[in-house]
Amino acid sequence: MVIRCHRCGKKISIDEAFAGGLCRCPYCKAITKVAARGPAAAERARVERPDMPEAPAAGPAARQTEPHEAMPVASPVLVQGVVALIMSALLLILLGAAAVAVHLVLRDRRGGAAGGRGERPVQVPATSAAVGAEENPFRLPGTRVAGMAFTAPVVFVIDASSGMRDCYDLAAATVRHAIRSMGSGDRLHVLLAREEGVERLSSGWTGGGEPGDAKARQFFITHQPAGATKLEKGVEDGLALAPRTLVVLAAKGVGKPQTLIQRAKGQGTAIHAVLLAPDAEAAESLRALAEQTGGHFRQFRFERLLDQLESAPLLP
């Protein structure tokens, strides 16, 4: 079966036995969800697919687990991609012709109904669906990160330890969506808390929009998670820039949160925190960091955030 990688956008192929599971992209090495193929395929996948560790359920006592080791690697799509492209083009042509025909028919009918009375057809304004618990945080309007509105200048601090190996691409995509929601005149900075120290996107502030996203994209590709890190060091360096908002994306908590909280409150910096692991202790420290500085806290399961990013606008 052919799917599309959520990170690089390229088409890849994977055995149907892995339908409903996860695989690794052969191009960019990102972890991508394999869509289910209906009841029959789902049943076959449960029977034939090799056993793989399941993601732990979130809960007060849940702890962070090691990343998946037996991750299947998809294959590049060559001939299949060309055939699919040709078929897609033909389908688009047919759909376009059908849409034009329907439009002409409806226009003639509206003209006939309104022409005799000299009235214009009534236009019903489009309404958006109500935003509920299943909202996609990457489709909400405004300047946001993971659904949380923030004010520039903003500093994004990302945990780049080995514990973020599976979540790093999702954290990078989350930050890139936030940067693209900003204007070119808005100031931002990105810091990676790495084993060697804190890695900076640039020596100074960077603007938002597509230029800022292009710069961040190369930054994330160049630096990959590894080793053990002290996330609080990245938060300290971020607060030293005196931003209006500081955003932390991590799979673990921070040490000495009260010291960071007092510093943030003293300079008027609101902290948003996004936890990408089912770790109760990490949730406690990050929640305190956010709520006591006037920010917000959100916790995502890996599979849920991946689903939401797949249905968000495609990143270049």
Foldseek 3Di string as FASTA:
>chain_A
DWDAAQQPRAIWADDLLQAQHWAAEPPQRAIAGHHHDDDVSVVSNVVPPDDWDDADDFDQPDAFDADTDPHHHTGHDDVNVVVVVVVVVVVVVVVVVVVVVVVVVVVVVQCVVCVVVVDHDDDDDDDDDDDDPLHQLLPDAAQDFRVFHDDPPEEEEEEQASSCQNVLSLSLLRVLSNLQNFAQPGWYWYWYFAPVGIDTLDPGTGGGHPVVSVSSVVVSSVDHGYHDGQSVRSLVVRCVVLIQEYEYEYQAAHPPLVVSLVSCQVSNYAYEYEHAGSRNRRQVSRQCNHVSSVHYYYYDYPVSSSVSSSPHPRDD
